[in-house]
C-alpha atoms as a PDB file:
ATOM      1  CA  UNK A   1     109.813  84.264  74.324  1.00  0.00           C
ATOM      2  CA  UNK A   2     105.839  84.438  72.830  1.00  0.00           C
ATOM      3  CA  UNK A   3     105.395  84.655  68.924  1.00  0.00           C
ATOM      4  CA  UNK A   4     104.693  88.068  67.783  1.00  0.00           C
ATOM      5  CA  UNK A   5     101.561  88.400  65.982  1.00  0.00           C
ATOM      6  CA  UNK A   6     101.096  88.267  62.383  1.00  0.00           C
ATOM      7  CA  UNK A   7      98.789  91.254  60.960  1.00  0.00           C
ATOM      8  CA  UNK A   8      96.251  90.563  58.362  1.00  0.00           C
ATOM      9  CA  UNK A   9      92.873  91.736  56.546  1.00  0.00           C
ATOM     10  CA  UNK A  10      90.508  91.262  58.794  1.00  0.00           C
ATOM     11  CA  UNK A  11      87.655  92.458  56.637  1.00  0.00           C
ATOM     12  CA  UNK A  12      87.287  94.500  53.276  1.00  0.00           C
ATOM     13  CA  UNK A  13      83.805  95.296  51.860  1.00  0.00           C
ATOM     14  CA  UNK A  14      82.982  98.144  49.163  1.00  0.00           C
ATOM     15  CA  UNK A  15      79.324  98.634  48.324  1.00  0.00           C
ATOM     16  CA  UNK A  16      77.512 100.073  45.885  1.00  0.00           C
ATOM     17  CA  UNK A  17      74.864 102.303  46.752  1.00  0.00           C
ATOM     18  CA  UNK A  18      71.502 103.307  45.588  1.00  0.00           C
ATOM     19  CA  UNK A  19      70.529 106.980  44.647  1.00  0.00           C
ATOM     20  CA  UNK A  20      67.916 106.657  47.542  1.00  0.00           C
ATOM     21  CA  UNK A  21      70.797 105.230  49.633  1.00  0.00           C
ATOM     22  CA  UNK A  22      73.076 108.251  49.116  1.00  0.00           C
ATOM     23  CA  UNK A  23      74.408 107.179  46.150  1.00  0.00           C
ATOM     24  CA  UNK A  24      78.089 107.049  45.876  1.00  0.00           C
ATOM     25  CA  UNK A  25      80.007 104.177  47.862  1.00  0.00           C
ATOM     26  CA  UNK A  26      80.910 102.539  50.920  1.00  0.00           C
ATOM     27  CA  UNK A  27      84.414 101.063  51.953  1.00  0.00           C
ATOM     28  CA  UNK A  28      85.199  99.574  55.074  1.00  0.00           C
ATOM     29  CA  UNK A  29      88.663  97.862  55.392  1.00  0.00           C
ATOM     30  CA  UNK A  30      90.099  96.289  58.839  1.00  0.00           C
ATOM     31  CA  UNK A  31      93.428  94.884  59.797  1.00  0.00           C
ATOM     32  CA  UNK A  32      94.704  93.294  63.029  1.00  0.00           C
ATOM     33  CA  UNK A  33      95.197  89.908  64.409  1.00  0.00           C
ATOM     34  CA  UNK A  34      93.781  87.564  66.771  1.00  0.00           C
ATOM     35  CA  UNK A  35      95.710  86.528  69.802  1.00  0.00           C
ATOM     36  CA  UNK A  36      94.268  84.148  72.975  1.00  0.00           C
ATOM     37  CA  UNK A  37      90.837  83.804  70.580  1.00  0.00           C
ATOM     38  CA  UNK A  38      90.970  87.874  71.336  1.00  0.00           C
ATOM     39  CA  UNK A  39      90.611  89.931  67.878  1.00  0.00           C
ATOM     40  CA  UNK A  40      92.853  92.880  68.218  1.00  0.00           C
ATOM     41  CA  UNK A  41      92.210  95.440  65.196  1.00  0.00           C
ATOM     42  CA  UNK A  42      95.695  97.546  64.263  1.00  0.00           C
ATOM     43  CA  UNK A  43      94.307  99.327  61.093  1.00  0.00           C
ATOM     44  CA  UNK A  44      91.107 100.543  60.164  1.00  0.00           C
ATOM     45  CA  UNK A  45      89.754 102.387  57.330  1.00  0.00           C
ATOM     46  CA  UNK A  46      85.652 103.213  56.926  1.00  0.00           C
ATOM     47  CA  UNK A  47      84.373 105.717  53.844  1.00  0.00           C
ATOM     48  CA  UNK A  48      81.348 107.095  52.331  1.00  0.00           C
ATOM     49  CA  UNK A  49      82.884 108.580  49.095  1.00  0.00           C
ATOM     50  CA  UNK A  50      80.347 110.213  46.775  1.00  0.00           C
ATOM     51  CA  UNK A  51      82.322 112.565  43.799  1.00  0.00           C
ATOM     52  CA  UNK A  52      78.677 113.953  43.130  1.00  0.00           C
ATOM     53  CA  UNK A  53      78.359 115.452  46.784  1.00  0.00           C
ATOM     54  CA  UNK A  54      82.367 116.381  47.480  1.00  0.00           C
ATOM     55  CA  UNK A  55      84.659 116.443  44.571  1.00  0.00           C
ATOM     56  CA  UNK A  56      87.803 116.983  46.708  1.00  0.00           C
ATOM     57  CA  UNK A  57      89.418 114.392  48.845  1.00  0.00           C
ATOM     58  CA  UNK A  58      88.997 111.371  46.135  1.00  0.00           C
ATOM     59  CA  UNK A  59      85.488 111.836  46.814  1.00  0.00           C
ATOM     60  CA  UNK A  60      85.462 111.304  50.374  1.00  0.00           C
ATOM     61  CA  UNK A  61      82.382 112.595  52.032  1.00  0.00           C
ATOM     62  CA  UNK A  62      82.945 110.902  55.309  1.00  0.00           C
ATOM     63  CA  UNK A  63      85.285 109.123  56.723  1.00  0.00           C
ATOM     64  CA  UNK A  64      87.258 107.323  60.044  1.00  0.00           C
ATOM     65  CA  UNK A  65      91.002 105.459  59.914  1.00  0.00           C
ATOM     66  CA  UNK A  66      93.533 105.741  62.349  1.00  0.00           C
ATOM     67  CA  UNK A  67      96.119 106.185  59.679  1.00  0.00           C
ATOM     68  CA  UNK A  68      99.001 108.495  60.097  1.00  0.00           C
ATOM     69  CA  UNK A  69      99.177 107.798  63.880  1.00  0.00           C
ATOM     70  CA  UNK A  70      96.053 108.842  65.576  1.00  0.00           C
ATOM     71  CA  UNK A  71      92.380 108.425  64.919  1.00  0.00           C
ATOM     72  CA  UNK A  72      90.819 110.540  63.093  1.00  0.00           C
ATOM     73  CA  UNK A  73      87.502 111.991  61.279  1.00  0.00           C
ATOM     74  CA  UNK A  74      87.237 112.985  57.848  1.00  0.00           C
ATOM     75  CA  UNK A  75      84.348 115.214  56.961  1.00  0.00           C
ATOM     76  CA  UNK A  76      84.056 117.047  53.763  1.00  0.00           C
ATOM     77  CA  UNK A  77      87.586 117.815  53.555  1.00  0.00           C
ATOM     78  CA  UNK A  78      88.388 118.445  56.846  1.00  0.00           C
ATOM     79  CA  UNK A  79      90.381 116.327  59.266  1.00  0.00           C
ATOM     80  CA  UNK A  80      89.805 116.255  63.360  1.00  0.00           C
ATOM     81  CA  UNK A  81      91.266 113.801  66.210  1.00  0.00           C
ATOM     82  CA  UNK A  82      88.273 111.639  67.103  1.00  0.00           C
ATOM     83  CA  UNK A  83      88.524 110.064  70.376  1.00  0.00           C
ATOM     84  CA  UNK A  84      88.214 106.082  70.137  1.00  0.00           C
ATOM     85  CA  UNK A  85      86.519 104.156  72.179  1.00  0.00           C
ATOM     86  CA  UNK A  86      86.256 100.710  70.286  1.00  0.00           C
ATOM     87  CA  UNK A  87      85.927  99.675  66.251  1.00  0.00           C
ATOM     88  CA  UNK A  88      82.670  99.159  66.775  1.00  0.00           C
ATOM     89  CA  UNK A  89      81.628 102.344  68.329  1.00  0.00           C
ATOM     90  CA  UNK A  90      83.334 104.151  65.576  1.00  0.00           C
ATOM     91  CA  UNK A  91      81.435 101.876  63.103  1.00  0.00           C
ATOM     92  CA  UNK A  92      78.002 102.690  64.647  1.00  0.00           C
ATOM     93  CA  UNK A  93      79.170 107.095  64.976  1.00  0.00           C
ATOM     94  CA  UNK A  94      79.941 106.472  61.111  1.00  0.00           C
ATOM     95  CA  UNK A  95      76.600 104.822  60.253  1.00  0.00           C
ATOM     96  CA  UNK A  96      74.217 107.324  62.015  1.00  0.00           C
ATOM     97  CA  UNK A  97      76.254 110.577  60.456  1.00  0.00           C
ATOM     98  CA  UNK A  98      76.233 108.704  56.981  1.00  0.00           C
ATOM     99  CA  UNK A  99      72.411 107.945  57.708  1.00  0.00           C
ATOM    100  CA  UNK A 100      72.120 111.995  58.693  1.00  0.00           C
ATOM    101  CA  UNK A 101      73.980 112.870  55.224  1.00  0.00           C
ATOM    102  CA  UNK A 102      71.657 110.895  53.180  1.00  0.00           C
ATOM    103  CA  UNK A 103      68.846 112.595  55.244  1.00  0.00           C
ATOM    104  CA  UNK A 104      69.867 116.227  54.106  1.00  0.00           C
ATOM    105  CA  UNK A 105      70.970 114.936  50.074  1.00  0.00           C
ATOM    106  CA  UNK A 106      66.953 113.823  49.635  1.00  0.00           C
ATOM    107  CA  UNK A 107      65.807 117.424  50.715  1.00  0.00           C
END
């Protein structure tokens, strides 16, 4: 019988953003385990929070997570399922969308 993997917090980062970067804050949280030298991500939450841009949903302007049993995207209070390829691809998608939001805010 194999030993069951124990889920641990792999990454937890929070950044306060300067106004030129859109203001607000960025949050990353990733849970998982390492088996045979490979990292397996079980849970994640990525969010751009700025109450000055969007007051509802605890200020979450943009976010991705896999809570509630499915992968989904939050944008200004709307939630929709998204096709999950990998955590890395999700982070890349998030950063591209966040950059576009900041560009719009600067206009």
